[in-house]
Amino acid sequence: MVGTGVGAVLGARARRTGEGAVPVRVAPGGGRVVAVGAAQLVLGPVFGRGDG
């Protein structure tokens, strides 16, 4: 469970705005997950996947 950082900021924003809280969890896969996600953002539109 993420109790600080992004999860805490999103929770505080949800309380201020009355919106639903966004669940935040640590993804399995270690540091490589960030690189894979970044590559998908760039390459997804090239290969017809994603919103870009």
Protein backbone atom coordinates (compact mmCIF):
# COMPACT_ATOMS: atom_id res chain seq x y z
CA MET A 1 0.00 0.00 0.00
CA VAL A 2 1.26 3.46 -0.84
CA GLY A 3 0.74 5.77 2.12
CA THR A 4 2.88 8.69 1.08
CA GLY A 5 3.93 10.37 -2.11
CA VAL A 6 1.56 10.16 -5.05
CA GLY A 7 -1.10 8.24 -3.13
CA ALA A 8 -1.20 10.84 -0.36
CA VAL A 9 -1.41 13.74 -2.81
CA LEU A 10 -4.23 12.11 -4.77
CA GLY A 11 -6.08 11.28 -1.55
CA ALA A 12 -5.81 14.87 -0.32
CA ARG A 13 -7.04 16.18 -3.68
CA ALA A 14 -10.00 13.79 -3.60
CA ARG A 15 -10.96 15.05 -0.14
CA ARG A 16 -10.69 18.71 -1.26
CA THR A 17 -12.67 18.30 -4.46
CA GLY A 18 -15.16 15.65 -3.36
CA GLU A 19 -14.05 13.34 -6.16
CA GLY A 20 -13.40 9.66 -5.71
CA ALA A 21 -9.90 8.70 -4.65
CA VAL A 22 -7.65 7.10 -7.25
CA PRO A 23 -6.08 3.85 -6.01
CA VAL A 24 -2.28 3.82 -6.25
CA ARG A 25 -0.21 0.66 -6.05
CA VAL A 26 3.40 -0.24 -6.69
CA ALA A 27 3.66 -2.14 -9.98
CA PRO A 28 5.59 -5.39 -10.04
CA GLY A 29 8.64 -5.48 -12.26
CA GLY A 30 11.03 -3.04 -10.62
CA GLY A 31 12.67 -0.16 -12.44
CA ARG A 32 12.15 -1.70 -15.85
CA VAL A 33 8.42 -0.96 -15.69
CA VAL A 34 9.02 2.77 -16.10
CA ALA A 35 11.10 2.24 -19.23
CA VAL A 36 8.52 -0.12 -20.74
CA GLY A 37 5.71 2.36 -20.07
CA ALA A 38 7.69 5.22 -21.60
CA ALA A 39 8.43 3.12 -24.68
CA GLN A 40 4.75 2.26 -25.03
CA LEU A 41 3.80 5.95 -24.93
CA VAL A 42 6.18 6.66 -27.82
CA LEU A 43 5.73 3.51 -29.89
CA GLY A 44 2.02 2.85 -29.34
CA PRO A 45 0.82 5.41 -31.90
CA VAL A 46 3.45 4.26 -34.39
CA PHE A 47 2.07 0.73 -34.33
CA GLY A 48 -1.59 1.76 -34.18
CA ARG A 49 -2.05 1.40 -30.43
CA GLY A 50 -2.88 4.16 -28.01
CA ASP A 51 -4.46 7.58 -28.25
CA GLY A 52 -1.65 9.46 -29.98
